Amino acid sequence: YNIFVSGGTGSGKTTFLNALSYYIPKEERIITIEDSAELQILEAP
């Protein structure tokens, strides 16, 4: 499902998005695009 996370400044959007990303199956190819690298997706080969 395509998921959009919304909220105000300091509401934890990036943290929540990062946590959601851990449910992505490990065999999939993930591309992250950011203004300033903040996401910490550590277990995606």
All heavy atoms as atom14 arrays in JSON, in Angstrom:
{
  "sequence": "YNIFVSGGTGSGKTTFLNALSYYIPKEERIITIEDSAELQILEAP",
  "atom14_mask": [
    [1, 1, 1, 1, 1, 1, 1, 1, 1, 1, 1, 1, 0, 0],
    [1, 1, 1, 1, 1, 1, 1, 1, 0, 0, 0, 0, 0, 0],
    [1, 1, 1, 1, 1, 1, 1, 1, 0, 0, 0, 0, 0, 0],
    [1, 1, 1, 1, 1, 1, 1, 1, 1, 1, 1, 0, 0, 0],
    [1, 1, 1, 1, 1, 1, 1, 0, 0, 0, 0, 0, 0, 0],
    [1, 1, 1, 1, 1, 1, 0, 0, 0, 0, 0, 0, 0, 0],
    [1, 1, 1, 1, 0, 0, 0, 0, 0, 0, 0, 0, 0, 0],
    [1, 1, 1, 1, 0, 0, 0, 0, 0, 0, 0, 0, 0, 0],
    [1, 1, 1, 1, 1, 1, 1, 0, 0, 0, 0, 0, 0, 0],
    [1, 1, 1, 1, 0, 0, 0, 0, 0, 0, 0, 0, 0, 0],
    [1, 1, 1, 1, 1, 1, 0, 0, 0, 0, 0, 0, 0, 0],
    [1, 1, 1, 1, 0, 0, 0, 0, 0, 0, 0, 0, 0, 0],
    [1, 1, 1, 1, 1, 1, 1, 1, 1, 0, 0, 0, 0, 0],
    [1, 1, 1, 1, 1, 1, 1, 0, 0, 0, 0, 0, 0, 0],
    [1, 1, 1, 1, 1, 1, 1, 0, 0, 0, 0, 0, 0, 0],
    [1, 1, 1, 1, 1, 1, 1, 1, 1, 1, 1, 0, 0, 0],
    [1, 1, 1, 1, 1, 1, 1, 1, 0, 0, 0, 0, 0, 0],
    [1, 1, 1, 1, 1, 1, 1, 1, 0, 0, 0, 0, 0, 0],
    [1, 1, 1, 1, 1, 0, 0, 0, 0, 0, 0, 0, 0, 0],
    [1, 1, 1, 1, 1, 1, 1, 1, 0, 0, 0, 0, 0, 0],
    [1, 1, 1, 1, 1, 1, 0, 0, 0, 0, 0, 0, 0, 0],
    [1, 1, 1, 1, 1, 1, 1, 1, 1, 1, 1, 1, 0, 0],
    [1, 1, 1, 1, 1, 1, 1, 1, 1, 1, 1, 1, 0, 0],
    [1, 1, 1, 1, 1, 1, 1, 1, 0, 0, 0, 0, 0, 0],
    [1, 1, 1, 1, 1, 1, 1, 0, 0, 0, 0, 0, 0, 0],
    [1, 1, 1, 1, 1, 1, 1, 1, 1, 0, 0, 0, 0, 0],
    [1, 1, 1, 1, 1, 1, 1, 1, 1, 0, 0, 0, 0, 0],
    [1, 1, 1, 1, 1, 1, 1, 1, 1, 0, 0, 0, 0, 0],
    [1, 1, 1, 1, 1, 1, 1, 1, 1, 1, 1, 0, 0, 0],
    [1, 1, 1, 1, 1, 1, 1, 1, 0, 0, 0, 0, 0, 0],
    [1, 1, 1, 1, 1, 1, 1, 1, 0, 0, 0, 0, 0, 0],
    [1, 1, 1, 1, 1, 1, 1, 0, 0, 0, 0, 0, 0, 0],
    [1, 1, 1, 1, 1, 1, 1, 1, 0, 0, 0, 0, 0, 0],
    [1, 1, 1, 1, 1, 1, 1, 1, 1, 0, 0, 0, 0, 0],
    [1, 1, 1, 1, 1, 1, 1, 1, 0, 0, 0, 0, 0, 0],
    [1, 1, 1, 1, 1, 1, 0, 0, 0, 0, 0, 0, 0, 0],
    [1, 1, 1, 1, 1, 0, 0, 0, 0, 0, 0, 0, 0, 0],
    [1, 1, 1, 1, 1, 1, 1, 1, 1, 0, 0, 0, 0, 0],
    [1, 1, 1, 1, 1, 1, 1, 1, 0, 0, 0, 0, 0, 0],
    [1, 1, 1, 1, 1, 1, 1, 1, 1, 0, 0, 0, 0, 0],
    [1, 1, 1, 1, 1, 1, 1, 1, 0, 0, 0, 0, 0, 0],
    [1, 1, 1, 1, 1, 1, 1, 1, 0, 0, 0, 0, 0, 0],
    [1, 1, 1, 1, 1, 1, 1, 1, 1, 0, 0, 0, 0, 0],
    [1, 1, 1, 1, 1, 0, 0, 0, 0, 0, 0, 0, 0, 0],
    [1, 1, 1, 1, 1, 1, 1, 0, 0, 0, 0, 0, 0, 0]
  ],
  "atom14_positions": [
    [[0.85, -1.18, 0.0], [0.0, 0.0, 0.0], [0.9, 1.24, 0.0], [1.96, 1.26, 0.65], [-0.9, 0.02, 1.24], [-2.12, -0.87, 1.12], [-2.0, -2.27, 1.17], [-3.4, -0.33, 0.95], [-3.11, -3.09, 1.06], [-4.51, -1.15, 0.84], [-4.36, -2.53, 0.9], [-5.47, -3.34, 0.78], [0.0, 0.0, 0.0], [0.0, 0.0, 0.0]],
    [[0.5, 2.27, -0.73], [1.23, 3.53, -0.74], [0.83, 4.35, 0.49], [-0.35, 4.67, 0.66], [0.93, 4.32, -2.01], [1.42, 3.61, -3.26], [2.44, 2.93, -3.24], [0.68, 3.74, -4.36], [0.0, 0.0, 0.0], [0.0, 0.0, 0.0], [0.0, 0.0, 0.0], [0.0, 0.0, 0.0], [0.0, 0.0, 0.0], [0.0, 0.0, 0.0]],
    [[1.79, 4.66, 1.32], [1.5, 5.29, 2.62], [2.17, 6.66, 2.71], [3.35, 6.8, 2.39], [1.98, 4.39, 3.78], [1.24, 3.05, 3.72], [1.76, 5.07, 5.12], [1.73, 2.04, 4.75], [0.0, 0.0, 0.0], [0.0, 0.0, 0.0], [0.0, 0.0, 0.0], [0.0, 0.0, 0.0], [0.0, 0.0, 0.0], [0.0, 0.0, 0.0]],
    [[1.4, 7.64, 3.14], [1.9, 9.0, 3.33], [1.79, 9.35, 4.81], [0.73, 9.16, 5.41], [1.08, 9.98, 2.5], [1.87, 11.15, 1.98], [2.44, 11.13, 0.72], [2.07, 12.26, 2.78], [3.18, 12.2, 0.25], [2.8, 13.33, 2.33], [3.36, 13.31, 1.06], [0.0, 0.0, 0.0], [0.0, 0.0, 0.0], [0.0, 0.0, 0.0]],
    [[2.88, 9.84, 5.39], [2.9, 10.21, 6.81], [2.88, 11.72, 6.91], [3.76, 12.4, 6.36], [4.16, 9.65, 7.52], [4.14, 10.03, 9.0], [4.25, 8.13, 7.35], [0.0, 0.0, 0.0], [0.0, 0.0, 0.0], [0.0, 0.0, 0.0], [0.0, 0.0, 0.0], [0.0, 0.0, 0.0], [0.0, 0.0, 0.0], [0.0, 0.0, 0.0]],
    [[1.88, 12.27, 7.59], [1.76, 13.73, 7.72], [1.87, 14.13, 9.19], [1.71, 13.31, 10.09], [0.42, 14.2, 7.14], [-0.67, 13.73, 7.92], [0.0, 0.0, 0.0], [0.0, 0.0, 0.0], [0.0, 0.0, 0.0], [0.0, 0.0, 0.0], [0.0, 0.0, 0.0], [0.0, 0.0, 0.0], [0.0, 0.0, 0.0], [0.0, 0.0, 0.0]],
    [[2.11, 15.41, 9.4], [2.2, 15.91, 10.77], [2.91, 17.25, 10.81], [3.46, 17.71, 9.8], [0.0, 0.0, 0.0], [0.0, 0.0, 0.0], [0.0, 0.0, 0.0], [0.0, 0.0, 0.0], [0.0, 0.0, 0.0], [0.0, 0.0, 0.0], [0.0, 0.0, 0.0], [0.0, 0.0, 0.0], [0.0, 0.0, 0.0], [0.0, 0.0, 0.0]],
    [[2.89, 17.88, 11.96], [3.56, 19.16, 12.14], [5.04, 18.98, 12.4], [5.55, 17.86, 12.48], [0.0, 0.0, 0.0], [0.0, 0.0, 0.0], [0.0, 0.0, 0.0], [0.0, 0.0, 0.0], [0.0, 0.0, 0.0], [0.0, 0.0, 0.0], [0.0, 0.0, 0.0], [0.0, 0.0, 0.0], [0.0, 0.0, 0.0], [0.0, 0.0, 0.0]],
    [[5.73, 20.11, 12.56], [7.16, 20.08, 12.87], [7.39, 19.38, 14.22], [6.72, 19.67, 15.2], [7.72, 21.51, 12.93], [7.49, 22.14, 11.68], [9.21, 21.5, 13.24], [0.0, 0.0, 0.0], [0.0, 0.0, 0.0], [0.0, 0.0, 0.0], [0.0, 0.0, 0.0], [0.0, 0.0, 0.0], [0.0, 0.0, 0.0], [0.0, 0.0, 0.0]],
    [[8.33, 18.45, 14.24], [8.66, 17.76, 15.48], [7.67, 16.71, 15.92], [7.71, 16.24, 17.06], [0.0, 0.0, 0.0], [0.0, 0.0, 0.0], [0.0, 0.0, 0.0], [0.0, 0.0, 0.0], [0.0, 0.0, 0.0], [0.0, 0.0, 0.0], [0.0, 0.0, 0.0], [0.0, 0.0, 0.0], [0.0, 0.0, 0.0], [0.0, 0.0, 0.0]],
    [[6.76, 16.3, 15.02], [5.76, 15.3, 15.39], [6.28, 13.87, 15.24], [5.61, 12.92, 15.65], [4.49, 15.49, 14.55], [4.77, 15.38, 13.16], [0.0, 0.0, 0.0], [0.0, 0.0, 0.0], [0.0, 0.0, 0.0], [0.0, 0.0, 0.0], [0.0, 0.0, 0.0], [0.0, 0.0, 0.0], [0.0, 0.0, 0.0], [0.0, 0.0, 0.0]],
    [[7.46, 13.7, 14.63], [8.04, 12.37, 14.51], [7.8, 11.69, 13.18], [7.81, 10.46, 13.09], [0.0, 0.0, 0.0], [0.0, 0.0, 0.0], [0.0, 0.0, 0.0], [0.0, 0.0, 0.0], [0.0, 0.0, 0.0], [0.0, 0.0, 0.0], [0.0, 0.0, 0.0], [0.0, 0.0, 0.0], [0.0, 0.0, 0.0], [0.0, 0.0, 0.0]],
    [[7.62, 12.48, 12.12], [7.32, 11.9, 10.79], [8.45, 11.02, 10.28], [8.22, 9.89, 9.83], [7.04, 13.03, 9.78], [5.84, 13.89, 10.12], [5.57, 14.92, 9.05], [6.69, 15.93, 8.9], [6.9, 16.76, 10.1], [0.0, 0.0, 0.0], [0.0, 0.0, 0.0], [0.0, 0.0, 0.0], [0.0, 0.0, 0.0], [0.0, 0.0, 0.0]],
    [[9.67, 11.54, 10.32], [10.82, 10.77, 9.82], [11.03, 9.51, 10.65], [11.31, 8.43, 10.11], [12.09, 11.63, 9.83], [11.87, 12.8, 9.03], [13.28, 10.87, 9.28], [0.0, 0.0, 0.0], [0.0, 0.0, 0.0], [0.0, 0.0, 0.0], [0.0, 0.0, 0.0], [0.0, 0.0, 0.0], [0.0, 0.0, 0.0], [0.0, 0.0, 0.0]],
    [[10.9, 9.62, 11.96], [11.05, 8.47, 12.85], [10.02, 7.4, 12.51], [10.33, 6.2, 12.43], [10.89, 8.9, 14.32], [11.91, 9.85, 14.64], [10.98, 7.72, 15.26], [0.0, 0.0, 0.0], [0.0, 0.0, 0.0], [0.0, 0.0, 0.0], [0.0, 0.0, 0.0], [0.0, 0.0, 0.0], [0.0, 0.0, 0.0], [0.0, 0.0, 0.0]],
    [[8.76, 7.81, 12.3], [7.69, 6.87, 11.99], [7.93, 6.22, 10.63], [7.76, 5.01, 10.47], [6.34, 7.59, 12.01], [5.16, 6.68, 12.11], [4.63, 6.33, 13.33], [4.57, 6.16, 10.96], [3.54, 5.47, 13.43], [3.48, 5.31, 11.04], [2.96, 4.96, 12.28], [0.0, 0.0, 0.0], [0.0, 0.0, 0.0], [0.0, 0.0, 0.0]],
    [[8.33, 7.02, 9.64], [8.6, 6.48, 8.31], [9.73, 5.46, 8.36], [9.67, 4.41, 7.73], [8.98, 7.64, 7.36], [9.29, 7.27, 5.91], [8.05, 6.69, 5.24], [9.78, 8.48, 5.14], [0.0, 0.0, 0.0], [0.0, 0.0, 0.0], [0.0, 0.0, 0.0], [0.0, 0.0, 0.0], [0.0, 0.0, 0.0], [0.0, 0.0, 0.0]],
    [[10.74, 5.77, 9.14], [11.87, 4.85, 9.3], [11.42, 3.53, 9.93], [11.83, 2.45, 9.49], [12.94, 5.51, 10.17], [14.31, 4.93, 9.96], [14.99, 5.29, 9.01], [14.71, 4.02, 10.83], [0.0, 0.0, 0.0], [0.0, 0.0, 0.0], [0.0, 0.0, 0.0], [0.0, 0.0, 0.0], [0.0, 0.0, 0.0], [0.0, 0.0, 0.0]],
    [[10.56, 3.64, 10.95], [10.06, 2.43, 11.62], [9.2, 1.59, 10.67], [9.29, 0.36, 10.65], [9.26, 2.82, 12.86], [0.0, 0.0, 0.0], [0.0, 0.0, 0.0], [0.0, 0.0, 0.0], [0.0, 0.0, 0.0], [0.0, 0.0, 0.0], [0.0, 0.0, 0.0], [0.0, 0.0, 0.0], [0.0, 0.0, 0.0], [0.0, 0.0, 0.0]],
    [[8.38, 2.25, 9.86], [7.54, 1.54, 8.88], [8.39, 0.77, 7.88], [8.03, -0.33, 7.44], [6.65, 2.53, 8.12], [5.32, 2.94, 8.72], [4.61, 3.89, 7.77], [4.43, 1.74, 9.01], [0.0, 0.0, 0.0], [0.0, 0.0, 0.0], [0.0, 0.0, 0.0], [0.0, 0.0, 0.0], [0.0, 0.0, 0.0], [0.0, 0.0, 0.0]],
    [[9.53, 1.36, 7.49], [10.36, 0.78, 6.44], [10.91, -0.6, 6.83], [11.29, -1.39, 5.96], [11.51, 1.72, 6.08], [12.44, 1.8, 7.14], [0.0, 0.0, 0.0], [0.0, 0.0, 0.0], [0.0, 0.0, 0.0], [0.0, 0.0, 0.0], [0.0, 0.0, 0.0], [0.0, 0.0, 0.0], [0.0, 0.0, 0.0], [0.0, 0.0, 0.0]],
    [[10.97, -0.9, 8.12], [11.5, -2.19, 8.56], [10.56, -3.35, 8.22], [10.96, -4.52, 8.31], [11.81, -2.17, 10.05], [13.14, -1.53, 10.34], [13.25, -0.15, 10.43], [14.3, -2.29, 10.46], [14.47, 0.46, 10.66], [15.52, -1.7, 10.69], [15.6, -0.32, 10.79], [16.82, 0.28, 11.01], [0.0, 0.0, 0.0], [0.0, 0.0, 0.0]],
    [[9.33, -3.04, 7.82], [8.4, -4.09, 7.42], [8.52, -4.44, 5.94], [7.86, -5.36, 5.45], [6.96, -3.68, 7.73], [6.68, -3.54, 9.21], [6.16, -2.36, 9.73], [6.94, -4.58, 10.09], [5.9, -2.22, 11.1], [6.68, -4.46, 11.44], [6.17, -3.28, 11.94], [5.92, -3.16, 13.28], [0.0, 0.0, 0.0], [0.0, 0.0, 0.0]],
    [[9.34, -3.7, 5.2], [9.53, -3.99, 3.78], [10.32, -5.3, 3.66], [11.36, -5.46, 4.3], [10.3, -2.84, 3.08], [9.47, -1.55, 3.14], [10.61, -3.21, 1.63], [10.21, -0.33, 2.61], [0.0, 0.0, 0.0], [0.0, 0.0, 0.0], [0.0, 0.0, 0.0], [0.0, 0.0, 0.0], [0.0, 0.0, 0.0], [0.0, 0.0, 0.0]],
    [[9.85, -6.24, 2.86], [10.57, -7.51, 2.7], [12.02, -7.29, 2.28], [12.31, -6.42, 1.46], [9.77, -8.23, 1.61], [8.38, -7.68, 1.74], [8.57, -6.24, 2.12], [0.0, 0.0, 0.0], [0.0, 0.0, 0.0], [0.0, 0.0, 0.0], [0.0, 0.0, 0.0], [0.0, 0.0, 0.0], [0.0, 0.0, 0.0], [0.0, 0.0, 0.0]],
    [[12.93, -8.07, 2.85], [14.37, -7.87, 2.66], [14.82, -8.08, 1.22], [15.87, -7.58, 0.81], [15.17, -8.81, 3.59], [14.9, -8.56, 5.07], [15.36, -7.17, 5.49], [15.13, -6.91, 6.97], [13.75, -6.52, 7.26], [0.0, 0.0, 0.0], [0.0, 0.0, 0.0], [0.0, 0.0, 0.0], [0.0, 0.0, 0.0], [0.0, 0.0, 0.0]],
    [[14.06, -8.84, 0.42], [14.49, -9.11, -0.96], [14.19, -7.95, -1.91], [14.59, -7.99, -3.08], [13.85, -10.41, -1.48], [12.32, -10.35, -1.63], [11.58, -10.75, -0.36], [12.24, -10.82, 0.71], [10.37, -10.99, -0.45], [0.0, 0.0, 0.0], [0.0, 0.0, 0.0], [0.0, 0.0, 0.0], [0.0, 0.0, 0.0], [0.0, 0.0, 0.0]],
    [[13.5, -6.92, -1.44], [13.12, -5.82, -2.33], [14.2, -4.75, -2.39], [14.95, -4.53, -1.44], [11.79, -5.22, -1.86], [10.63, -6.18, -2.0], [9.29, -5.51, -1.73], [9.24, -4.28, -1.72], [8.3, -6.24, -1.53], [0.0, 0.0, 0.0], [0.0, 0.0, 0.0], [0.0, 0.0, 0.0], [0.0, 0.0, 0.0], [0.0, 0.0, 0.0]],
    [[14.24, -4.06, -3.53], [15.2, -2.97, -3.76], [14.55, -1.65, -3.35], [13.52, -1.27, -3.89], [15.61, -2.94, -5.23], [16.6, -1.83, -5.6], [17.08, -2.05, -7.03], [17.86, -0.97, -7.57], [19.17, -0.78, -7.38], [19.82, -1.64, -6.6], [19.82, 0.2, -7.94], [0.0, 0.0, 0.0], [0.0, 0.0, 0.0], [0.0, 0.0, 0.0]],
    [[15.18, -0.98, -2.39], [14.64, 0.27, -1.84], [15.53, 1.43, -2.25], [16.76, 1.36, -2.13], [14.57, 0.21, -0.3], [13.8, -1.02, 0.17], [13.95, 1.48, 0.26], [13.9, -1.26, 1.67], [0.0, 0.0, 0.0], [0.0, 0.0, 0.0], [0.0, 0.0, 0.0], [0.0, 0.0, 0.0], [0.0, 0.0, 0.0], [0.0, 0.0, 0.0]],
    [[14.91, 2.51, -2.71], [15.65, 3.73, -3.03], [15.11, 4.85, -2.14], [13.9, 5.13, -2.14], [15.52, 4.1, -4.51], [16.16, 3.01, -5.37], [16.19, 5.45, -4.78], [16.08, 3.25, -6.85], [0.0, 0.0, 0.0], [0.0, 0.0, 0.0], [0.0, 0.0, 0.0], [0.0, 0.0, 0.0], [0.0, 0.0, 0.0], [0.0, 0.0, 0.0]],
    [[15.98, 5.47, -1.35], [15.57, 6.59, -0.51], [16.09, 7.89, -1.1], [17.22, 7.95, -1.59], [16.08, 6.44, 0.94], [17.51, 6.53, 0.97], [15.64, 5.11, 1.54], [0.0, 0.0, 0.0], [0.0, 0.0, 0.0], [0.0, 0.0, 0.0], [0.0, 0.0, 0.0], [0.0, 0.0, 0.0], [0.0, 0.0, 0.0], [0.0, 0.0, 0.0]],
    [[15.26, 8.91, -1.04], [15.59, 10.23, -1.6], [15.29, 11.27, -0.54], [14.17, 11.36, -0.04], [14.75, 10.5, -2.87], [15.08, 9.46, -3.95], [14.98, 11.91, -3.39], [14.14, 9.48, -5.15], [0.0, 0.0, 0.0], [0.0, 0.0, 0.0], [0.0, 0.0, 0.0], [0.0, 0.0, 0.0], [0.0, 0.0, 0.0], [0.0, 0.0, 0.0]],
    [[16.31, 12.07, -0.19], [16.14, 13.04, 0.89], [16.89, 14.33, 0.61], [17.88, 14.34, -0.14], [16.67, 12.45, 2.21], [16.0, 11.17, 2.65], [16.65, 10.6, 3.88], [16.29, 11.05, 4.99], [17.53, 9.73, 3.75], [0.0, 0.0, 0.0], [0.0, 0.0, 0.0], [0.0, 0.0, 0.0], [0.0, 0.0, 0.0], [0.0, 0.0, 0.0]],
    [[16.41, 15.41, 1.22], [17.14, 16.69, 1.19], [18.42, 16.57, 2.0], [19.48, 17.02, 1.59], [16.27, 17.81, 1.79], [15.53, 18.57, 0.7], [15.99, 18.55, -0.45], [14.51, 19.19, 1.0], [0.0, 0.0, 0.0], [0.0, 0.0, 0.0], [0.0, 0.0, 0.0], [0.0, 0.0, 0.0], [0.0, 0.0, 0.0], [0.0, 0.0, 0.0]],
    [[18.27, 16.02, 3.19], [19.41, 15.79, 4.08], [19.22, 14.4, 4.67], [18.19, 14.13, 5.28], [19.44, 16.85, 5.18], [20.57, 16.7, 6.0], [0.0, 0.0, 0.0], [0.0, 0.0, 0.0], [0.0, 0.0, 0.0], [0.0, 0.0, 0.0], [0.0, 0.0, 0.0], [0.0, 0.0, 0.0], [0.0, 0.0, 0.0], [0.0, 0.0, 0.0]],
    [[20.18, 13.52, 4.45], [20.01, 12.11, 4.8], [19.71, 11.91, 6.28], [20.53, 12.24, 7.13], [21.26, 11.32, 4.41], [0.0, 0.0, 0.0], [0.0, 0.0, 0.0], [0.0, 0.0, 0.0], [0.0, 0.0, 0.0], [0.0, 0.0, 0.0], [0.0, 0.0, 0.0], [0.0, 0.0, 0.0], [0.0, 0.0, 0.0], [0.0, 0.0, 0.0]],
    [[18.51, 11.41, 6.59], [18.08, 11.2, 7.97], [17.61, 9.78, 8.22], [17.7, 9.28, 9.34], [16.93, 12.17, 8.31], [17.3, 13.63, 8.2], [16.08, 14.54, 8.33], [15.0, 14.03, 8.69], [16.2, 15.73, 8.05], [0.0, 0.0, 0.0], [0.0, 0.0, 0.0], [0.0, 0.0, 0.0], [0.0, 0.0, 0.0], [0.0, 0.0, 0.0]],
    [[17.07, 9.14, 7.2], [16.54, 7.79, 7.38], [17.67, 6.83, 7.75], [18.79, 6.93, 7.25], [15.85, 7.32, 6.09], [14.56, 8.06, 5.73], [14.11, 7.68, 4.32], [13.47, 7.77, 6.74], [0.0, 0.0, 0.0], [0.0, 0.0, 0.0], [0.0, 0.0, 0.0], [0.0, 0.0, 0.0], [0.0, 0.0, 0.0], [0.0, 0.0, 0.0]],
    [[17.35, 5.89, 8.64], [18.34, 4.92, 9.13], [17.83, 3.5, 8.87], [17.54, 2.75, 9.79], [18.59, 5.13, 10.63], [19.16, 6.49, 10.98], [19.19, 6.72, 12.48], [18.15, 6.92, 13.1], [20.36, 6.68, 13.07], [0.0, 0.0, 0.0], [0.0, 0.0, 0.0], [0.0, 0.0, 0.0], [0.0, 0.0, 0.0], [0.0, 0.0, 0.0]],
    [[17.72, 3.15, 7.61], [17.25, 1.82, 7.23], [18.48, 0.91, 7.18], [19.24, 0.93, 6.21], [16.52, 1.85, 5.87], [15.39, 2.89, 5.92], [15.96, 0.48, 5.52], [14.71, 3.12, 4.59], [0.0, 0.0, 0.0], [0.0, 0.0, 0.0], [0.0, 0.0, 0.0], [0.0, 0.0, 0.0], [0.0, 0.0, 0.0], [0.0, 0.0, 0.0]],
    [[18.68, 0.12, 8.22], [19.94, -0.59, 8.39], [19.91, -2.03, 7.89], [20.95, -2.6, 7.57], [20.35, -0.58, 9.87], [20.49, 0.8, 10.53], [20.86, 0.63, 11.99], [21.53, 1.64, 9.8], [0.0, 0.0, 0.0], [0.0, 0.0, 0.0], [0.0, 0.0, 0.0], [0.0, 0.0, 0.0], [0.0, 0.0, 0.0], [0.0, 0.0, 0.0]],
    [[18.74, -2.63, 7.82], [18.68, -4.07, 7.54], [18.19, -4.4, 6.13], [17.75, -5.51, 5.87], [17.78, -4.75, 8.58], [18.33, -4.64, 10.0], [17.44, -5.32, 11.02], [16.51, -6.03, 10.61], [17.68, -5.14, 12.23], [0.0, 0.0, 0.0], [0.0, 0.0, 0.0], [0.0, 0.0, 0.0], [0.0, 0.0, 0.0], [0.0, 0.0, 0.0]],
    [[18.28, -3.43, 5.21], [17.88, -3.67, 3.83], [19.13, -3.92, 2.99], [19.93, -3.01, 2.79], [17.11, -2.48, 3.28], [0.0, 0.0, 0.0], [0.0, 0.0, 0.0], [0.0, 0.0, 0.0], [0.0, 0.0, 0.0], [0.0, 0.0, 0.0], [0.0, 0.0, 0.0], [0.0, 0.0, 0.0], [0.0, 0.0, 0.0], [0.0, 0.0, 0.0]],
    [[19.36, -5.15, 2.52], [20.59, -5.44, 1.77], [20.67, -4.71, 0.43], [21.75, -4.34, -0.01], [20.54, -6.96, 1.58], [19.11, -7.34, 1.77], [18.53, -6.34, 2.72], [0.0, 0.0, 0.0], [0.0, 0.0, 0.0], [0.0, 0.0, 0.0], [0.0, 0.0, 0.0], [0.0, 0.0, 0.0], [0.0, 0.0, 0.0], [0.0, 0.0, 0.0]]
  ]
}
